[in-house]
N, C-alpha and C. Protein backbone atom coordinates (compact mmCIF):
# COMPACT_ATOMS: atom_id res chain seq x y z
N UNK A 1 -3.10 8.45 49.54
CA UNK A 1 -4.12 7.82 50.36
C UNK A 1 -5.19 8.86 50.67
N UNK A 2 -6.43 8.50 50.43
CA UNK A 2 -7.57 9.37 50.76
C UNK A 2 -8.60 8.51 51.47
N UNK A 3 -8.99 8.92 52.66
CA UNK A 3 -9.98 8.18 53.45
C UNK A 3 -9.63 6.70 53.58
N UNK A 4 -8.35 6.41 53.75
CA UNK A 4 -7.91 5.03 53.96
C UNK A 4 -7.80 4.20 52.69
N UNK A 5 -8.02 4.79 51.54
CA UNK A 5 -7.92 4.06 50.27
C UNK A 5 -6.76 4.62 49.46
N UNK A 6 -6.13 3.76 48.69
CA UNK A 6 -4.97 4.12 47.90
C UNK A 6 -5.30 4.13 46.41
N UNK A 7 -4.63 5.02 45.69
CA UNK A 7 -4.75 5.10 44.24
C UNK A 7 -3.40 5.50 43.69
N UNK A 8 -3.39 6.07 42.51
CA UNK A 8 -2.13 6.46 41.86
C UNK A 8 -2.23 7.88 41.32
N UNK A 9 -1.09 8.58 41.37
CA UNK A 9 -0.98 9.90 40.78
C UNK A 9 0.19 9.90 39.80
N UNK A 10 0.18 10.86 38.87
CA UNK A 10 1.31 10.97 37.95
C UNK A 10 2.35 11.91 38.54
N UNK A 11 3.41 12.18 37.79
CA UNK A 11 4.50 13.02 38.31
C UNK A 11 4.08 14.45 38.56
N UNK A 12 2.93 14.86 38.00
CA UNK A 12 2.41 16.21 38.23
C UNK A 12 1.44 16.28 39.40
N UNK A 13 1.22 15.15 40.04
CA UNK A 13 0.31 15.11 41.18
C UNK A 13 -1.15 14.93 40.79
N UNK A 14 -1.41 14.65 39.53
CA UNK A 14 -2.78 14.43 39.05
C UNK A 14 -3.18 12.97 39.29
N UNK A 15 -4.39 12.76 39.78
CA UNK A 15 -4.89 11.41 40.03
C UNK A 15 -5.07 10.69 38.70
N UNK A 16 -4.43 9.54 38.56
CA UNK A 16 -4.57 8.73 37.35
C UNK A 16 -5.45 7.50 37.59
N UNK A 17 -5.43 7.00 38.82
CA UNK A 17 -6.31 5.90 39.23
C UNK A 17 -6.87 6.30 40.59
N UNK A 18 -8.18 6.49 40.64
CA UNK A 18 -8.79 7.00 41.88
C UNK A 18 -8.54 6.06 43.06
N UNK A 19 -8.43 6.62 44.25
CA UNK A 19 -8.21 5.79 45.44
C UNK A 19 -9.37 4.81 45.64
N UNK A 20 -9.03 3.53 45.63
CA UNK A 20 -10.04 2.47 45.77
C UNK A 20 -9.46 1.20 46.37
N UNK A 21 -8.15 1.19 46.60
CA UNK A 21 -7.46 -0.01 47.05
C UNK A 21 -7.09 0.10 48.52
N UNK A 22 -7.05 -1.04 49.22
CA UNK A 22 -6.60 -1.06 50.61
C UNK A 22 -5.10 -0.80 50.70
N UNK A 23 -4.37 -1.16 49.65
CA UNK A 23 -2.93 -0.90 49.55
C UNK A 23 -2.57 -0.88 48.08
N UNK A 24 -1.50 -0.14 47.76
CA UNK A 24 -1.04 -0.07 46.37
C UNK A 24 0.47 0.13 46.38
N UNK A 25 1.17 -0.67 45.59
CA UNK A 25 2.63 -0.58 45.47
C UNK A 25 2.98 0.16 44.18
N UNK A 26 4.18 0.71 44.09
CA UNK A 26 4.59 1.38 42.84
C UNK A 26 4.52 0.42 41.65
N UNK A 27 4.32 1.00 40.48
CA UNK A 27 4.30 0.19 39.25
C UNK A 27 5.68 -0.37 38.96
N UNK A 28 5.71 -1.63 38.56
CA UNK A 28 6.92 -2.31 38.08
C UNK A 28 6.52 -3.05 36.82
N UNK A 29 7.27 -2.85 35.76
CA UNK A 29 6.99 -3.50 34.49
C UNK A 29 5.54 -3.28 34.06
N UNK A 30 5.07 -2.04 34.20
CA UNK A 30 3.73 -1.61 33.77
C UNK A 30 2.58 -2.24 34.55
N UNK A 31 2.86 -2.79 35.73
CA UNK A 31 1.82 -3.40 36.56
C UNK A 31 1.90 -2.84 37.97
N UNK A 32 0.75 -2.49 38.51
CA UNK A 32 0.69 -2.03 39.90
C UNK A 32 0.12 -3.14 40.76
N UNK A 33 0.81 -3.47 41.83
CA UNK A 33 0.36 -4.48 42.78
C UNK A 33 -0.58 -3.80 43.77
N UNK A 34 -1.82 -4.32 43.88
CA UNK A 34 -2.82 -3.71 44.74
C UNK A 34 -3.46 -4.77 45.64
N UNK A 35 -4.10 -4.28 46.69
CA UNK A 35 -4.76 -5.17 47.64
C UNK A 35 -6.17 -4.67 47.89
N UNK A 36 -7.12 -5.61 47.88
CA UNK A 36 -8.51 -5.33 48.23
C UNK A 36 -9.00 -6.48 49.09
N UNK A 37 -9.49 -6.17 50.26
CA UNK A 37 -10.04 -7.20 51.14
C UNK A 37 -9.06 -8.29 51.49
N UNK A 38 -7.78 -7.95 51.61
CA UNK A 38 -6.76 -8.92 51.99
C UNK A 38 -6.27 -9.79 50.84
N UNK A 39 -6.77 -9.58 49.64
CA UNK A 39 -6.33 -10.34 48.46
C UNK A 39 -5.53 -9.41 47.56
N UNK A 40 -4.57 -9.96 46.83
CA UNK A 40 -3.70 -9.15 46.00
C UNK A 40 -3.87 -9.48 44.53
N UNK A 41 -3.76 -8.41 43.70
CA UNK A 41 -3.86 -8.54 42.25
C UNK A 41 -3.07 -7.42 41.59
N UNK A 42 -3.25 -7.25 40.30
CA UNK A 42 -2.44 -6.30 39.54
C UNK A 42 -3.32 -5.47 38.61
N UNK A 43 -2.99 -4.17 38.50
CA UNK A 43 -3.69 -3.27 37.60
C UNK A 43 -2.71 -2.69 36.58
N UNK A 44 -3.25 -2.28 35.44
CA UNK A 44 -2.49 -1.55 34.44
C UNK A 44 -2.60 -0.06 34.77
N UNK A 45 -1.86 0.77 34.06
CA UNK A 45 -1.89 2.21 34.31
C UNK A 45 -3.27 2.81 34.04
N UNK A 46 -4.11 2.10 33.29
CA UNK A 46 -5.48 2.55 33.03
C UNK A 46 -6.38 2.34 34.24
N UNK A 47 -5.92 1.53 35.20
CA UNK A 47 -6.71 1.20 36.38
C UNK A 47 -7.47 -0.10 36.23
N UNK A 48 -7.47 -0.69 35.04
CA UNK A 48 -8.14 -1.96 34.83
C UNK A 48 -7.32 -3.10 35.42
N UNK A 49 -8.04 -4.04 36.02
CA UNK A 49 -7.34 -5.22 36.54
C UNK A 49 -6.84 -6.08 35.40
N UNK A 50 -5.59 -6.49 35.51
CA UNK A 50 -5.01 -7.46 34.60
C UNK A 50 -5.13 -8.82 35.27
N UNK A 51 -4.87 -8.85 36.56
CA UNK A 51 -5.01 -10.05 37.38
C UNK A 51 -5.86 -9.65 38.58
N UNK A 52 -7.06 -10.20 38.66
CA UNK A 52 -7.96 -9.83 39.76
C UNK A 52 -7.35 -10.21 41.11
N UNK A 53 -7.73 -9.50 42.16
CA UNK A 53 -7.18 -9.81 43.49
C UNK A 53 -7.61 -11.21 43.95
N UNK A 54 -6.68 -12.15 43.88
CA UNK A 54 -6.99 -13.53 44.26
C UNK A 54 -5.89 -14.19 45.07
N UNK A 55 -4.79 -13.51 45.28
CA UNK A 55 -3.65 -14.12 45.96
C UNK A 55 -3.57 -13.68 47.41
N UNK A 56 -3.06 -14.58 48.27
CA UNK A 56 -2.87 -14.26 49.69
C UNK A 56 -1.70 -13.31 49.89
N UNK A 57 -0.70 -13.45 49.06
CA UNK A 57 0.47 -12.58 49.12
C UNK A 57 1.03 -12.50 47.70
N UNK A 58 1.66 -11.39 47.38
CA UNK A 58 2.21 -11.22 46.04
C UNK A 58 3.36 -10.22 46.06
N UNK A 59 4.21 -10.33 45.08
CA UNK A 59 5.32 -9.41 44.90
C UNK A 59 5.16 -8.73 43.54
N UNK A 60 5.87 -7.64 43.34
CA UNK A 60 5.82 -6.94 42.07
C UNK A 60 6.50 -7.75 40.98
N UNK A 61 6.19 -7.43 39.74
CA UNK A 61 6.81 -8.10 38.60
C UNK A 61 8.26 -7.67 38.45
N UNK A 62 9.11 -8.65 38.23
CA UNK A 62 10.54 -8.43 37.95
C UNK A 62 10.98 -9.47 36.95
N UNK A 63 11.66 -9.04 35.93
CA UNK A 63 12.18 -9.96 34.92
C UNK A 63 11.05 -10.76 34.27
N UNK A 64 9.85 -10.14 34.19
CA UNK A 64 8.72 -10.76 33.51
C UNK A 64 7.84 -11.68 34.32
N UNK A 65 8.17 -11.92 35.59
CA UNK A 65 7.37 -12.80 36.45
C UNK A 65 7.17 -12.17 37.82
N UNK A 66 6.09 -12.60 38.50
CA UNK A 66 5.82 -12.14 39.86
C UNK A 66 5.59 -13.34 40.76
N UNK A 67 6.19 -13.31 41.94
CA UNK A 67 5.97 -14.36 42.94
C UNK A 67 4.63 -14.11 43.62
N UNK A 68 3.82 -15.16 43.74
CA UNK A 68 2.51 -15.06 44.40
C UNK A 68 2.31 -16.28 45.29
N UNK A 69 1.53 -16.06 46.35
CA UNK A 69 1.25 -17.16 47.28
C UNK A 69 -0.23 -17.41 47.36
N UNK A 70 -0.61 -18.69 47.25
CA UNK A 70 -1.96 -19.16 47.49
C UNK A 70 -1.88 -20.14 48.64
N UNK A 71 -2.52 -19.81 49.75
CA UNK A 71 -2.39 -20.65 50.93
C UNK A 71 -0.94 -20.66 51.38
N UNK A 72 -0.33 -21.84 51.46
CA UNK A 72 1.06 -21.95 51.88
C UNK A 72 2.01 -22.13 50.71
N UNK A 73 1.49 -22.15 49.49
CA UNK A 73 2.30 -22.46 48.32
C UNK A 73 2.63 -21.21 47.51
N UNK A 74 3.91 -21.06 47.17
CA UNK A 74 4.37 -19.97 46.31
C UNK A 74 4.57 -20.48 44.90
N UNK A 75 4.26 -19.63 43.94
CA UNK A 75 4.52 -19.90 42.53
C UNK A 75 4.81 -18.58 41.85
N UNK A 76 4.88 -18.59 40.54
CA UNK A 76 5.16 -17.37 39.78
C UNK A 76 4.16 -17.26 38.63
N UNK A 77 3.68 -16.04 38.41
CA UNK A 77 2.76 -15.81 37.30
C UNK A 77 3.38 -14.91 36.24
N UNK A 78 2.81 -15.02 35.04
CA UNK A 78 3.14 -14.14 33.93
C UNK A 78 2.25 -12.91 34.03
N UNK A 79 2.52 -11.85 33.27
CA UNK A 79 1.65 -10.66 33.28
C UNK A 79 0.19 -10.96 32.91
N UNK A 80 -0.06 -12.04 32.20
CA UNK A 80 -1.43 -12.43 31.84
C UNK A 80 -2.18 -13.02 33.03
N UNK A 81 -1.46 -13.37 34.10
CA UNK A 81 -2.06 -14.04 35.24
C UNK A 81 -1.93 -15.55 35.18
N UNK A 82 -1.49 -16.07 34.03
CA UNK A 82 -1.27 -17.51 33.89
C UNK A 82 -0.04 -17.92 34.68
N UNK A 83 -0.03 -19.17 35.11
CA UNK A 83 1.11 -19.69 35.86
C UNK A 83 2.31 -19.89 34.95
N UNK A 84 3.45 -19.38 35.37
CA UNK A 84 4.73 -19.67 34.72
C UNK A 84 5.39 -20.81 35.48
N UNK A 85 5.27 -20.77 36.81
CA UNK A 85 5.78 -21.82 37.70
C UNK A 85 4.66 -22.12 38.69
N UNK A 86 4.14 -23.31 38.62
CA UNK A 86 3.01 -23.69 39.48
C UNK A 86 3.40 -23.57 40.96
N UNK A 87 2.41 -23.27 41.82
CA UNK A 87 2.69 -23.18 43.25
C UNK A 87 3.29 -24.47 43.79
N UNK A 88 4.28 -24.29 44.66
CA UNK A 88 4.94 -25.45 45.27
C UNK A 88 5.46 -25.09 46.65
N UNK A 89 6.09 -26.01 47.28
CA UNK A 89 6.48 -25.87 48.68
C UNK A 89 7.73 -25.00 48.86
N UNK A 90 7.55 -23.71 48.61
CA UNK A 90 8.59 -22.73 48.97
C UNK A 90 8.10 -22.02 50.22
N UNK A 91 8.96 -21.88 51.22
CA UNK A 91 8.60 -21.09 52.40
C UNK A 91 8.50 -19.62 52.03
N UNK A 92 9.29 -19.22 51.04
CA UNK A 92 9.29 -17.86 50.54
C UNK A 92 9.82 -17.89 49.11
N UNK A 93 9.49 -16.88 48.35
CA UNK A 93 9.94 -16.79 46.97
C UNK A 93 10.30 -15.35 46.68
N UNK A 94 11.47 -15.14 46.09
CA UNK A 94 11.94 -13.79 45.81
C UNK A 94 11.76 -13.41 44.35
N UNK A 95 12.24 -12.23 44.02
CA UNK A 95 12.12 -11.69 42.67
C UNK A 95 13.15 -12.30 41.73
N UNK A 96 12.73 -12.49 40.49
CA UNK A 96 13.67 -12.90 39.45
C UNK A 96 14.56 -11.73 39.07
N UNK A 97 15.80 -12.05 38.82
CA UNK A 97 16.78 -11.10 38.31
C UNK A 97 17.77 -11.91 37.50
N UNK A 98 18.00 -11.51 36.26
CA UNK A 98 18.88 -12.26 35.36
C UNK A 98 18.47 -13.73 35.26
N UNK A 99 17.15 -13.96 35.16
CA UNK A 99 16.56 -15.28 34.95
C UNK A 99 16.68 -16.25 36.13
N UNK A 100 17.06 -15.76 37.32
CA UNK A 100 17.11 -16.59 38.52
C UNK A 100 16.38 -15.90 39.66
N UNK A 101 15.82 -16.71 40.57
CA UNK A 101 15.14 -16.16 41.75
C UNK A 101 15.48 -16.99 42.97
N UNK A 102 15.65 -16.32 44.13
CA UNK A 102 15.89 -17.07 45.36
C UNK A 102 14.58 -17.63 45.90
N UNK A 103 14.64 -18.84 46.43
CA UNK A 103 13.51 -19.46 47.10
C UNK A 103 14.00 -20.06 48.41
N UNK A 104 13.13 -20.10 49.38
CA UNK A 104 13.47 -20.69 50.67
C UNK A 104 12.68 -21.98 50.82
N UNK A 105 13.40 -23.05 51.12
CA UNK A 105 12.80 -24.36 51.33
C UNK A 105 13.35 -24.90 52.64
N UNK A 106 12.45 -25.19 53.58
CA UNK A 106 12.84 -25.68 54.90
C UNK A 106 13.88 -24.78 55.56
N UNK A 107 13.70 -23.48 55.41
CA UNK A 107 14.58 -22.51 56.06
C UNK A 107 15.91 -22.29 55.36
N UNK A 108 16.11 -22.93 54.21
CA UNK A 108 17.37 -22.78 53.48
C UNK A 108 17.10 -22.14 52.12
N UNK A 109 18.06 -21.34 51.65
CA UNK A 109 17.89 -20.61 50.40
C UNK A 109 18.55 -21.32 49.24
N UNK A 110 17.80 -21.45 48.15
CA UNK A 110 18.30 -21.98 46.88
C UNK A 110 17.88 -21.04 45.77
N UNK A 111 18.21 -21.37 44.56
CA UNK A 111 17.86 -20.52 43.41
C UNK A 111 17.20 -21.38 42.34
N UNK A 112 16.13 -20.82 41.72
CA UNK A 112 15.45 -21.51 40.64
C UNK A 112 15.58 -20.72 39.34
N UNK A 113 15.39 -21.43 38.21
CA UNK A 113 15.33 -20.76 36.92
C UNK A 113 13.86 -20.53 36.57
N UNK A 114 13.59 -19.99 35.40
CA UNK A 114 12.22 -19.65 35.01
C UNK A 114 11.37 -20.86 34.65
N UNK A 115 11.96 -22.05 34.71
CA UNK A 115 11.20 -23.28 34.55
C UNK A 115 10.81 -23.84 35.91
N UNK A 116 11.29 -23.20 36.99
CA UNK A 116 11.01 -23.68 38.34
C UNK A 116 11.99 -24.74 38.80
N UNK A 117 13.05 -24.96 38.04
CA UNK A 117 14.05 -25.97 38.40
C UNK A 117 15.07 -25.38 39.33
N UNK A 118 15.45 -26.13 40.36
CA UNK A 118 16.51 -25.69 41.26
C UNK A 118 17.85 -25.73 40.52
N UNK A 119 18.52 -24.60 40.43
CA UNK A 119 19.82 -24.57 39.78
C UNK A 119 20.93 -24.51 40.83
N UNK A 120 20.58 -24.03 42.03
CA UNK A 120 21.48 -24.08 43.18
C UNK A 120 20.66 -24.64 44.34
N UNK A 121 21.10 -25.74 44.86
CA UNK A 121 20.37 -26.40 45.94
C UNK A 121 20.34 -25.51 47.18
N UNK A 122 19.25 -25.61 47.95
CA UNK A 122 19.15 -24.81 49.19
C UNK A 122 20.29 -25.09 50.15
N UNK A 123 20.88 -24.01 50.69
CA UNK A 123 21.93 -24.10 51.70
C UNK A 123 21.62 -23.12 52.81
N UNK A 124 22.31 -23.24 53.92
CA UNK A 124 22.11 -22.33 55.06
C UNK A 124 22.47 -20.91 54.73
């Protein structure tokens, strides 16, 4: 962090992406989750945006998909920024692992597959 802006350094401490973000998370699956002006997007190690900051909330990529929120709706995107699972009424959405991800619906947790289908119904 320099002057309130975040960037990235390599293992030698050399700046690889100059500080320009309001927040920056570690790279996962070759994508860095960044925030500018309260919106979240993703950059490659080159510093170029792969997905411009357009989401209200976002998680890092895991198992090839990232959970993102637009307004009150959570969905999942591919590394291209295209929707893998369209936004829907999840109170929260977790990371995929072994092709399943936890989602919260009406305060209860269930699990979805990469098609967005509930494979385990929400329970307490």
